[in-house]
Amino acid sequence: MQSPPPEPRLAGALDEAVRGRPTPLYTWLVRGSRLPSARANDALADAFAQLCRARGRGADTVALALARLTPDEAPGASAREFLPVCGIAALGARGAADPEVRSAFVQELHARADDLRFRVRDAVIQALGRVGAAAGDSLVLEAASWMDGYFHAAAVVAALGREPWLSALRDAAGPIARLDDAFVTARDAPRAAARYPGRKALVEALGRAPGPLAVRFGVPVFDMLAGWASVSDPELRGLIEEIARDKRLVSRFGPDVTRVHAALEASRPPVRNPDHDVGPTRDRSGERRRRGRR
């Protein structure tokens, strides 16, 4: 007798979990996870999310239980890490499909955004984008409460700069306000946070998202970048310079990119003592060492 195809078996395992017997579902997901290899089984996570979406509120308890599994229960870099990833994917699918649970599930995503497991954090970004595709600009406003945390702000910025949320945005003001919030959070971080993974994730997201948002909205994004060009933090200045070197933006928005470059140049800190600025010199230390051995 042939085994039933994977999706019906997964559906049956989900139904068992809804009835209070989650072990077959957990076993099925762990076996199909492909972890701890480099890439998880995204297709399986999405199939599970769609099954939960189709069952509506009946599967929410299962999805929440999966999403809330702790690092002790589902350690990172193990096959069990796939379990909270699947739960978060299901919360995103349900939040996108049902406005009545959307706000509560977005709060659940917020609670997982700074998880120690990077696949869980990545799943939050994907789920947030899925909800954003349905909620559009309203989720941009709701996400204002995320912007005072490094990983949380990074998740919002990363999701805004990607499909499918990007195409659902209509008003430039909201995304630009969130980018501005993110710059403030990165700028105001204490020196001790410079090496913190959360701030690094935020700076990385700030380096990637403005380009796609500029293609989507044009001039207002460059206005914001020009305004931030005077920031003293060298890392933030560097990422603005990198954005302004993007060939796609230069070819489409040449005058606006030039404005950003001009703002960066105008705010460049002066040399401390111009009289002693003789430009680059050769390093003669090797020659001095050679002479000392004579």
C-alpha atoms as a PDB file:
ATOM      1  CA  MET A   1       0.000   0.000   0.000  1.00  0.00           C
ATOM      2  CA  GLN A   2       1.372   3.405  -1.018  1.00  0.00           C
ATOM      3  CA  SER A   3       1.950   6.060   1.623  1.00  0.00           C
ATOM      4  CA  PRO A   4      -0.329   9.104   1.301  1.00  0.00           C
ATOM      5  CA  PRO A   5       1.324  12.199  -0.224  1.00  0.00           C
ATOM      6  CA  PRO A   6       3.088  14.562   2.204  1.00  0.00           C
ATOM      7  CA  GLU A   7       0.461  17.299   2.464  1.00  0.00           C
ATOM      8  CA  PRO A   8      -2.430  15.030   3.489  1.00  0.00           C
ATOM      9  CA  ARG A   9      -0.146  13.382   6.051  1.00  0.00           C
ATOM     10  CA  LEU A  10       0.829  16.803   7.369  1.00  0.00           C
ATOM     11  CA  ALA A  11      -2.828  17.817   7.458  1.00  0.00           C
ATOM     12  CA  GLY A  12      -3.666  14.684   9.424  1.00  0.00           C
ATOM     13  CA  ALA A  13      -0.881  15.385  11.891  1.00  0.00           C
ATOM     14  CA  LEU A  14      -2.140  18.950  12.318  1.00  0.00           C
ATOM     15  CA  ASP A  15      -5.655  17.685  12.978  1.00  0.00           C
ATOM     16  CA  GLU A  16      -4.253  15.360  15.640  1.00  0.00           C
ATOM     17  CA  ALA A  17      -2.469  18.309  17.246  1.00  0.00           C
ATOM     18  CA  VAL A  18      -5.671  20.370  17.222  1.00  0.00           C
ATOM     19  CA  ARG A  19      -7.317  17.501  19.119  1.00  0.00           C
ATOM     20  CA  GLY A  20      -4.585  17.677  21.741  1.00  0.00           C
ATOM     21  CA  ARG A  21      -2.083  15.114  20.429  1.00  0.00           C
ATOM     22  CA  PRO A  22       0.822  17.181  19.024  1.00  0.00           C
ATOM     23  CA  THR A  23       3.539  14.496  19.004  1.00  0.00           C
ATOM     24  CA  PRO A  24       2.869  13.199  15.434  1.00  0.00           C
ATOM     25  CA  LEU A  25       2.945  16.782  14.089  1.00  0.00           C
ATOM     26  CA  TYR A  26       6.164  17.645  15.896  1.00  0.00           C
ATOM     27  CA  THR A  27       7.780  14.435  14.679  1.00  0.00           C
ATOM     28  CA  TRP A  28       6.685  15.074  11.085  1.00  0.00           C
ATOM     29  CA  LEU A  29       7.997  18.634  11.076  1.00  0.00           C
ATOM     30  CA  VAL A  30      11.312  17.739  12.702  1.00  0.00           C
ATOM     31  CA  ARG A  31      11.928  14.898  10.244  1.00  0.00           C
ATOM     32  CA  GLY A  32      11.137  17.121   7.287  1.00  0.00           C
ATOM     33  CA  SER A  33      13.060  20.161   8.517  1.00  0.00           C
ATOM     34  CA  ARG A  34      16.359  19.409   6.703  1.00  0.00           C
ATOM     35  CA  LEU A  35      18.086  20.888   9.726  1.00  0.00           C
ATOM     36  CA  PRO A  36      20.750  21.201  10.957  1.00  0.00           C
ATOM     37  CA  SER A  37      21.904  21.681   7.354  1.00  0.00           C
ATOM     38  CA  ALA A  38      22.454  25.190   5.981  1.00  0.00           C
ATOM     39  CA  ARG A  39      18.893  25.677   4.700  1.00  0.00           C
ATOM     40  CA  ALA A  40      15.646  24.731   6.388  1.00  0.00           C
ATOM     41  CA  ASN A  41      12.731  23.256   4.450  1.00  0.00           C
ATOM     42  CA  ASP A  42      10.940  26.525   3.645  1.00  0.00           C
ATOM     43  CA  ALA A  43       8.395  24.751   1.458  1.00  0.00           C
ATOM     44  CA  LEU A  44       7.304  22.567   4.365  1.00  0.00           C
ATOM     45  CA  ALA A  45       7.048  25.560   6.713  1.00  0.00           C
ATOM     46  CA  ASP A  46       4.899  27.364   4.155  1.00  0.00           C
ATOM     47  CA  ALA A  47       2.691  24.286   3.606  1.00  0.00           C
ATOM     48  CA  PHE A  48       2.113  24.091   7.356  1.00  0.00           C
ATOM     49  CA  ALA A  49       1.338  27.834   7.515  1.00  0.00           C
ATOM     50  CA  GLN A  50      -1.219  27.517   4.734  1.00  0.00           C
ATOM     51  CA  LEU A  51      -2.910  24.583   6.446  1.00  0.00           C
ATOM     52  CA  CYS A  52      -3.208  26.659   9.626  1.00  0.00           C
ATOM     53  CA  ARG A  53      -4.593  29.577   7.623  1.00  0.00           C
ATOM     54  CA  ALA A  54      -7.206  27.310   6.044  1.00  0.00           C
ATOM     55  CA  ARG A  55      -8.312  25.944   9.435  1.00  0.00           C
ATOM     56  CA  GLY A  56      -8.573  29.420  10.945  1.00  0.00           C
ATOM     57  CA  ARG A  57      -8.975  29.737  14.698  1.00  0.00           C
ATOM     58  CA  GLY A  58      -9.049  25.984  15.145  1.00  0.00           C
ATOM     59  CA  ALA A  59      -5.289  25.751  14.534  1.00  0.00           C
ATOM     60  CA  ASP A  60      -4.244  28.917  16.379  1.00  0.00           C
ATOM     61  CA  THR A  61      -3.491  27.120  19.647  1.00  0.00           C
ATOM     62  CA  VAL A  62      -1.138  24.761  17.816  1.00  0.00           C
ATOM     63  CA  ALA A  63       0.623  27.590  15.968  1.00  0.00           C
ATOM     64  CA  LEU A  64       1.063  29.601  19.168  1.00  0.00           C
ATOM     65  CA  ALA A  65       2.438  26.601  21.055  1.00  0.00           C
ATOM     66  CA  LEU A  66       5.024  26.058  18.327  1.00  0.00           C
ATOM     67  CA  ALA A  67       5.991  29.719  18.090  1.00  0.00           C
ATOM     68  CA  ARG A  68       6.479  29.937  21.870  1.00  0.00           C
ATOM     69  CA  LEU A  69       8.878  26.992  22.153  1.00  0.00           C
ATOM     70  CA  THR A  70      11.927  28.196  24.075  1.00  0.00           C
ATOM     71  CA  PRO A  71      15.587  27.648  23.135  1.00  0.00           C
ATOM     72  CA  ASP A  72      15.683  24.886  25.755  1.00  0.00           C
ATOM     73  CA  GLU A  73      12.728  23.125  24.114  1.00  0.00           C
ATOM     74  CA  ALA A  74      13.811  23.798  20.514  1.00  0.00           C
ATOM     75  CA  PRO A  75      17.545  24.545  20.523  1.00  0.00           C
ATOM     76  CA  GLY A  76      19.144  26.582  17.785  1.00  0.00           C
ATOM     77  CA  ALA A  77      21.218  24.706  15.198  1.00  0.00           C
ATOM     78  CA  SER A  78      19.075  21.603  15.737  1.00  0.00           C
ATOM     79  CA  ALA A  79      16.187  20.073  13.825  1.00  0.00           C
ATOM     80  CA  ARG A  80      13.789  21.160  16.565  1.00  0.00           C
ATOM     81  CA  GLU A  81      14.507  24.822  15.785  1.00  0.00           C
ATOM     82  CA  PHE A  82      12.210  24.260  12.810  1.00  0.00           C
ATOM     83  CA  LEU A  83       9.216  23.948  15.144  1.00  0.00           C
ATOM     84  CA  PRO A  84       9.049  27.632  16.242  1.00  0.00           C
ATOM     85  CA  VAL A  85       9.884  28.652  12.673  1.00  0.00           C
ATOM     86  CA  CYS A  86       6.752  26.822  11.498  1.00  0.00           C
ATOM     87  CA  GLY A  87       4.666  28.343  14.280  1.00  0.00           C
ATOM     88  CA  ILE A  88       5.782  31.863  13.369  1.00  0.00           C
ATOM     89  CA  ALA A  89       5.086  31.216   9.693  1.00  0.00           C
ATOM     90  CA  ALA A  90       1.568  30.128  10.652  1.00  0.00           C
ATOM     91  CA  LEU A  91       1.031  33.270  12.741  1.00  0.00           C
ATOM     92  CA  GLY A  92       2.045  35.355   9.738  1.00  0.00           C
ATOM     93  CA  ALA A  93      -0.356  33.520   7.445  1.00  0.00           C
ATOM     94  CA  ARG A  94      -3.194  33.853   9.914  1.00  0.00           C
ATOM     95  CA  GLY A  95      -2.449  37.510  10.630  1.00  0.00           C
ATOM     96  CA  ALA A  96      -2.496  38.239   6.922  1.00  0.00           C
ATOM     97  CA  ALA A  97      -5.799  36.425   6.375  1.00  0.00           C
ATOM     98  CA  ASP A  98      -7.802  37.437   9.460  1.00  0.00           C
ATOM     99  CA  PRO A  99      -7.868  41.082  10.603  1.00  0.00           C
ATOM    100  CA  GLU A 100      -9.516  40.035  13.866  1.00  0.00           C
ATOM    101  CA  VAL A 101      -6.380  38.227  15.076  1.00  0.00           C
ATOM    102  CA  ARG A 102      -3.862  40.408  13.258  1.00  0.00           C
ATOM    103  CA  SER A 103      -2.922  42.760  16.072  1.00  0.00           C
ATOM    104  CA  ALA A 104      -2.544  39.968  18.628  1.00  0.00           C
ATOM    105  CA  PHE A 105      -0.365  37.923  16.309  1.00  0.00           C
ATOM    106  CA  VAL A 106       1.792  40.933  15.408  1.00  0.00           C
ATOM    107  CA  GLN A 107       2.424  41.270  19.145  1.00  0.00           C
ATOM    108  CA  GLU A 108       3.441  37.614  19.203  1.00  0.00           C
ATOM    109  CA  LEU A 109       5.890  38.337  16.388  1.00  0.00           C
ATOM    110  CA  HIS A 110       7.243  41.276  18.384  1.00  0.00           C
ATOM    111  CA  ALA A 111       7.925  38.955  21.320  1.00  0.00           C
ATOM    112  CA  ARG A 112       9.977  36.637  19.077  1.00  0.00           C
ATOM    113  CA  ALA A 113      11.899  39.329  17.134  1.00  0.00           C
ATOM    114  CA  ASP A 114      14.911  39.321  19.471  1.00  0.00           C
ATOM    115  CA  ASP A 115      15.084  35.555  19.890  1.00  0.00           C
ATOM    116  CA  LEU A 116      18.573  34.107  20.338  1.00  0.00           C
ATOM    117  CA  ARG A 117      18.002  31.741  17.362  1.00  0.00           C
ATOM    118  CA  PHE A 118      18.687  33.446  14.050  1.00  0.00           C
ATOM    119  CA  ARG A 119      16.252  31.264  12.085  1.00  0.00           C
ATOM    120  CA  VAL A 120      13.480  32.315  14.442  1.00  0.00           C
ATOM    121  CA  ARG A 121      14.381  35.985  13.913  1.00  0.00           C
ATOM    122  CA  ASP A 122      14.419  35.453  10.147  1.00  0.00           C
ATOM    123  CA  ALA A 123      11.005  33.794  10.361  1.00  0.00           C
ATOM    124  CA  VAL A 124       9.673  36.892  12.138  1.00  0.00           C
ATOM    125  CA  ILE A 125      10.837  39.097   9.247  1.00  0.00           C
ATOM    126  CA  GLN A 126       9.136  36.807   6.731  1.00  0.00           C
ATOM    127  CA  ALA A 127       5.923  36.675   8.767  1.00  0.00           C
ATOM    128  CA  LEU A 128       5.891  40.439   9.272  1.00  0.00           C
ATOM    129  CA  GLY A 129       6.231  40.924   5.531  1.00  0.00           C
ATOM    130  CA  ARG A 130       3.359  38.516   4.905  1.00  0.00           C
ATOM    131  CA  VAL A 131       1.113  40.444   7.271  1.00  0.00           C
ATOM    132  CA  GLY A 132       2.302  43.695   5.711  1.00  0.00           C
ATOM    133  CA  ALA A 133       1.248  42.480   2.280  1.00  0.00           C
ATOM    134  CA  ALA A 134      -2.326  42.361   3.581  1.00  0.00           C
ATOM    135  CA  ALA A 135      -2.276  45.285   6.018  1.00  0.00           C
ATOM    136  CA  GLY A 136      -0.142  47.684   3.958  1.00  0.00           C
ATOM    137  CA  ASP A 137       0.342  51.125   5.479  1.00  0.00           C
ATOM    138  CA  SER A 138      -1.651  50.364   8.633  1.00  0.00           C
ATOM    139  CA  LEU A 139       1.005  47.902   9.784  1.00  0.00           C
ATOM    140  CA  VAL A 140       3.671  50.571   9.199  1.00  0.00           C
ATOM    141  CA  LEU A 141       1.930  52.724  11.799  1.00  0.00           C
ATOM    142  CA  GLU A 142       1.500  49.824  14.199  1.00  0.00           C
ATOM    143  CA  ALA A 143       5.192  48.976  13.858  1.00  0.00           C
ATOM    144  CA  ALA A 144       6.180  52.313  15.426  1.00  0.00           C
ATOM    145  CA  SER A 145       6.218  50.525  18.791  1.00  0.00           C
ATOM    146  CA  TRP A 146       8.943  48.177  17.492  1.00  0.00           C
ATOM    147  CA  MET A 147      11.489  50.884  16.770  1.00  0.00           C
ATOM    148  CA  ASP A 148      13.154  51.264  20.171  1.00  0.00           C
ATOM    149  CA  GLY A 149      14.741  47.803  20.113  1.00  0.00           C
ATOM    150  CA  TYR A 150      17.657  46.832  17.884  1.00  0.00           C
ATOM    151  CA  PHE A 151      16.436  43.460  16.610  1.00  0.00           C
ATOM    152  CA  HIS A 152      12.827  44.667  16.558  1.00  0.00           C
ATOM    153  CA  ALA A 153      13.658  47.756  14.504  1.00  0.00           C
ATOM    154  CA  ALA A 154      15.875  45.656  12.226  1.00  0.00           C
ATOM    155  CA  ALA A 155      12.956  43.285  11.559  1.00  0.00           C
ATOM    156  CA  VAL A 156      10.656  46.148  10.561  1.00  0.00           C
ATOM    157  CA  VAL A 157      13.232  47.841   8.331  1.00  0.00           C
ATOM    158  CA  ALA A 158      14.201  44.562   6.659  1.00  0.00           C
ATOM    159  CA  ALA A 159      10.562  43.595   6.013  1.00  0.00           C
ATOM    160  CA  LEU A 160       9.696  47.047   4.644  1.00  0.00           C
ATOM    161  CA  GLY A 161      12.485  46.798   2.087  1.00  0.00           C
ATOM    162  CA  ARG A 162      11.349  43.421   0.739  1.00  0.00           C
ATOM    163  CA  GLU A 163       8.446  41.927  -1.101  1.00  0.00           C
ATOM    164  CA  PRO A 164       5.623  41.342  -0.448  1.00  0.00           C
ATOM    165  CA  TRP A 165       5.168  44.273   1.974  1.00  0.00           C
ATOM    166  CA  LEU A 166       7.005  46.694  -0.290  1.00  0.00           C
ATOM    167  CA  SER A 167       4.427  46.456  -3.084  1.00  0.00           C
ATOM    168  CA  ALA A 168       1.548  46.961  -0.647  1.00  0.00           C
ATOM    169  CA  LEU A 169       2.843  50.344   0.554  1.00  0.00           C
ATOM    170  CA  ARG A 170       1.018  53.404  -0.777  1.00  0.00           C
ATOM    171  CA  ASP A 171       2.150  56.311   1.385  1.00  0.00           C
ATOM    172  CA  ALA A 172       5.833  57.228   1.649  1.00  0.00           C
ATOM    173  CA  ALA A 173       5.441  59.019   4.968  1.00  0.00           C
ATOM    174  CA  GLY A 174       5.078  55.888   7.098  1.00  0.00           C
ATOM    175  CA  PRO A 175       8.080  53.926   5.777  1.00  0.00           C
ATOM    176  CA  ILE A 176      10.262  57.027   5.923  1.00  0.00           C
ATOM    177  CA  ALA A 177       9.190  57.630   9.528  1.00  0.00           C
ATOM    178  CA  ARG A 178      10.206  54.062  10.402  1.00  0.00           C
ATOM    179  CA  LEU A 179      13.576  54.491   8.655  1.00  0.00           C
ATOM    180  CA  ASP A 180      14.068  57.720  10.560  1.00  0.00           C
ATOM    181  CA  ASP A 181      13.204  55.955  13.827  1.00  0.00           C
ATOM    182  CA  ALA A 182      15.707  53.240  12.984  1.00  0.00           C
ATOM    183  CA  PHE A 183      18.473  55.756  12.314  1.00  0.00           C
ATOM    184  CA  VAL A 184      17.747  57.397  15.670  1.00  0.00           C
ATOM    185  CA  THR A 185      17.935  54.041  17.466  1.00  0.00           C
ATOM    186  CA  ALA A 186      21.232  53.185  15.773  1.00  0.00           C
ATOM    187  CA  ARG A 187      22.708  56.647  16.361  1.00  0.00           C
ATOM    188  CA  ASP A 188      21.740  56.815  20.025  1.00  0.00           C
ATOM    189  CA  ALA A 189      23.062  53.366  20.905  1.00  0.00           C
ATOM    190  CA  PRO A 190      25.628  53.481  23.717  1.00  0.00           C
ATOM    191  CA  ARG A 191      29.208  52.692  22.809  1.00  0.00           C
ATOM    192  CA  ALA A 192      28.912  49.342  24.575  1.00  0.00           C
ATOM    193  CA  ALA A 193      26.239  48.318  22.054  1.00  0.00           C
ATOM    194  CA  ALA A 194      28.476  48.847  19.025  1.00  0.00           C
ATOM    195  CA  ARG A 195      29.411  45.160  18.897  1.00  0.00           C
ATOM    196  CA  TYR A 196      25.989  43.936  19.996  1.00  0.00           C
ATOM    197  CA  PRO A 197      24.435  41.649  17.340  1.00  0.00           C
ATOM    198  CA  GLY A 198      21.146  43.565  17.493  1.00  0.00           C
ATOM    199  CA  ARG A 199      22.706  46.885  16.530  1.00  0.00           C
ATOM    200  CA  LYS A 200      24.739  45.184  13.811  1.00  0.00           C
ATOM    201  CA  ALA A 201      21.530  43.690  12.430  1.00  0.00           C
ATOM    202  CA  LEU A 202      19.887  47.112  12.493  1.00  0.00           C
ATOM    203  CA  VAL A 203      22.767  48.798  10.668  1.00  0.00           C
ATOM    204  CA  GLU A 204      22.763  45.992   8.098  1.00  0.00           C
ATOM    205  CA  ALA A 205      19.018  46.436   7.512  1.00  0.00           C
ATOM    206  CA  LEU A 206      19.481  50.200   7.189  1.00  0.00           C
ATOM    207  CA  GLY A 207      22.078  49.590   4.519  1.00  0.00           C
ATOM    208  CA  ARG A 208      19.752  47.421   2.438  1.00  0.00           C
ATOM    209  CA  ALA A 209      16.214  48.770   2.783  1.00  0.00           C
ATOM    210  CA  PRO A 210      16.538  52.415   1.594  1.00  0.00           C
ATOM    211  CA  GLY A 211      17.479  51.362  -1.944  1.00  0.00           C
ATOM    212  CA  PRO A 212      14.286  49.390  -2.695  1.00  0.00           C
ATOM    213  CA  LEU A 213      12.230  52.023  -0.854  1.00  0.00           C
ATOM    214  CA  ALA A 214      13.850  54.754  -2.967  1.00  0.00           C
ATOM    215  CA  VAL A 215      12.906  52.871  -6.121  1.00  0.00           C
ATOM    216  CA  ARG A 216       9.339  52.636  -4.754  1.00  0.00           C
ATOM    217  CA  PHE A 217       8.924  56.232  -3.535  1.00  0.00           C
ATOM    218  CA  GLY A 218      11.739  58.316  -5.038  1.00  0.00           C
ATOM    219  CA  VAL A 219      12.467  61.834  -3.796  1.00  0.00           C
ATOM    220  CA  PRO A 220      11.191  61.589  -0.182  1.00  0.00           C
ATOM    221  CA  VAL A 221      13.655  58.799   0.585  1.00  0.00           C
ATOM    222  CA  PHE A 222      16.557  60.866  -0.737  1.00  0.00           C
ATOM    223  CA  ASP A 223      15.365  63.822   1.321  1.00  0.00           C
ATOM    224  CA  MET A 224      15.635  61.645   4.417  1.00  0.00           C
ATOM    225  CA  LEU A 225      19.086  60.348   3.458  1.00  0.00           C
ATOM    226  CA  ALA A 226      20.334  63.881   2.792  1.00  0.00           C
ATOM    227  CA  GLY A 227      19.026  64.902   6.204  1.00  0.00           C
ATOM    228  CA  TRP A 228      20.934  62.075   7.869  1.00  0.00           C
ATOM    229  CA  ALA A 229      24.134  62.789   5.932  1.00  0.00           C
ATOM    230  CA  SER A 230      25.283  65.122   8.714  1.00  0.00           C
ATOM    231  CA  VAL A 231      25.299  62.343  11.309  1.00  0.00           C
ATOM    232  CA  SER A 232      28.659  62.081  13.056  1.00  0.00           C
ATOM    233  CA  ASP A 233      28.631  58.297  13.501  1.00  0.00           C
ATOM    234  CA  PRO A 234      31.158  57.053  10.897  1.00  0.00           C
ATOM    235  CA  GLU A 235      29.351  53.714  10.448  1.00  0.00           C
ATOM    236  CA  LEU A 236      26.054  55.396   9.605  1.00  0.00           C
ATOM    237  CA  ARG A 237      27.807  57.884   7.312  1.00  0.00           C
ATOM    238  CA  GLY A 238      29.478  54.957   5.593  1.00  0.00           C
ATOM    239  CA  LEU A 239      26.233  53.142   4.898  1.00  0.00           C
ATOM    240  CA  ILE A 240      24.664  56.337   3.484  1.00  0.00           C
ATOM    241  CA  GLU A 241      27.678  56.707   1.201  1.00  0.00           C
ATOM    242  CA  GLU A 242      27.277  53.075   0.136  1.00  0.00           C
ATOM    243  CA  ILE A 243      23.573  53.585  -0.642  1.00  0.00           C
ATOM    244  CA  ALA A 244      24.433  56.665  -2.710  1.00  0.00           C
ATOM    245  CA  ARG A 245      26.898  54.587  -4.773  1.00  0.00           C
ATOM    246  CA  ASP A 246      24.210  52.093  -5.816  1.00  0.00           C
ATOM    247  CA  LYS A 247      24.356  52.090  -9.623  1.00  0.00           C
ATOM    248  CA  ARG A 248      20.623  51.441  -9.932  1.00  0.00           C
ATOM    249  CA  LEU A 249      19.852  54.574  -7.940  1.00  0.00           C
ATOM    250  CA  VAL A 250      22.474  56.655  -9.739  1.00  0.00           C
ATOM    251  CA  SER A 251      21.023  55.764 -13.141  1.00  0.00           C
ATOM    252  CA  ARG A 252      17.414  56.484 -12.127  1.00  0.00           C
ATOM    253  CA  PHE A 253      17.783  59.309  -9.613  1.00  0.00           C
ATOM    254  CA  GLY A 254      21.020  61.018 -10.555  1.00  0.00           C
ATOM    255  CA  PRO A 255      20.228  64.546  -9.254  1.00  0.00           C
ATOM    256  CA  ASP A 256      18.852  63.175  -5.965  1.00  0.00           C
ATOM    257  CA  VAL A 257      21.894  60.960  -5.442  1.00  0.00           C
ATOM    258  CA  THR A 258      24.064  64.007  -6.135  1.00  0.00           C
ATOM    259  CA  ARG A 259      22.189  65.879  -3.374  1.00  0.00           C
ATOM    260  CA  VAL A 260      23.033  63.125  -0.908  1.00  0.00           C
ATOM    261  CA  HIS A 261      26.708  63.197  -1.919  1.00  0.00           C
ATOM    262  CA  ALA A 262      26.754  66.987  -1.538  1.00  0.00           C
ATOM    263  CA  ALA A 263      25.200  66.750   1.930  1.00  0.00           C
ATOM    264  CA  LEU A 264      27.794  64.181   2.951  1.00  0.00           C
ATOM    265  CA  GLU A 265      30.623  66.357   1.656  1.00  0.00           C
ATOM    266  CA  ALA A 266      29.283  69.505   3.316  1.00  0.00           C
ATOM    267  CA  SER A 267      29.106  67.744   6.673  1.00  0.00           C
ATOM    268  CA  ARG A 268      32.465  66.010   6.444  1.00  0.00           C
ATOM    269  CA  PRO A 269      34.464  66.884   9.567  1.00  0.00           C
ATOM    270  CA  PRO A 270      37.406  69.208   8.864  1.00  0.00           C
ATOM    271  CA  VAL A 271      41.000  68.153   9.326  1.00  0.00           C
ATOM    272  CA  ARG A 272      42.044  68.992  12.887  1.00  0.00           C
ATOM    273  CA  ASN A 273      45.057  71.080  11.812  1.00  0.00           C
ATOM    274  CA  PRO A 274      44.931  71.962   8.108  1.00  0.00           C
ATOM    275  CA  ASP A 275      48.496  73.331   8.234  1.00  0.00           C
ATOM    276  CA  HIS A 276      49.784  69.866   9.056  1.00  0.00           C
ATOM    277  CA  ASP A 277      47.653  68.030   6.516  1.00  0.00           C
ATOM    278  CA  VAL A 278      50.375  66.996   4.059  1.00  0.00           C
ATOM    279  CA  GLY A 279      48.332  64.216   2.529  1.00  0.00           C
ATOM    280  CA  PRO A 280      49.301  60.542   2.346  1.00  0.00           C
ATOM    281  CA  THR A 281      52.939  59.675   3.011  1.00  0.00           C
ATOM    282  CA  ARG A 282      54.990  56.560   2.516  1.00  0.00           C
ATOM    283  CA  ASP A 283      55.522  54.294   5.486  1.00  0.00           C
ATOM    284  CA  ARG A 284      59.273  54.402   6.090  1.00  0.00           C
ATOM    285  CA  SER A 285      59.175  52.236   9.223  1.00  0.00           C
ATOM    286  CA  GLY A 286      60.774  49.383   7.340  1.00  0.00           C
ATOM    287  CA  GLU A 287      63.609  51.614   6.243  1.00  0.00           C
ATOM    288  CA  ARG A 288      64.152  52.796   9.833  1.00  0.00           C
ATOM    289  CA  ARG A 289      64.292  49.205  11.039  1.00  0.00           C
ATOM    290  CA  ARG A 290      66.841  48.360   8.368  1.00  0.00           C
ATOM    291  CA  ARG A 291      68.999  51.321   9.384  1.00  0.00           C
ATOM    292  CA  GLY A 292      68.822  50.329  13.044  1.00  0.00           C
ATOM    293  CA  ARG A 293      70.352  46.952  12.285  1.00  0.00           C
ATOM    294  CA  ARG A 294      73.460  48.475  10.690  1.00  0.00           C
END
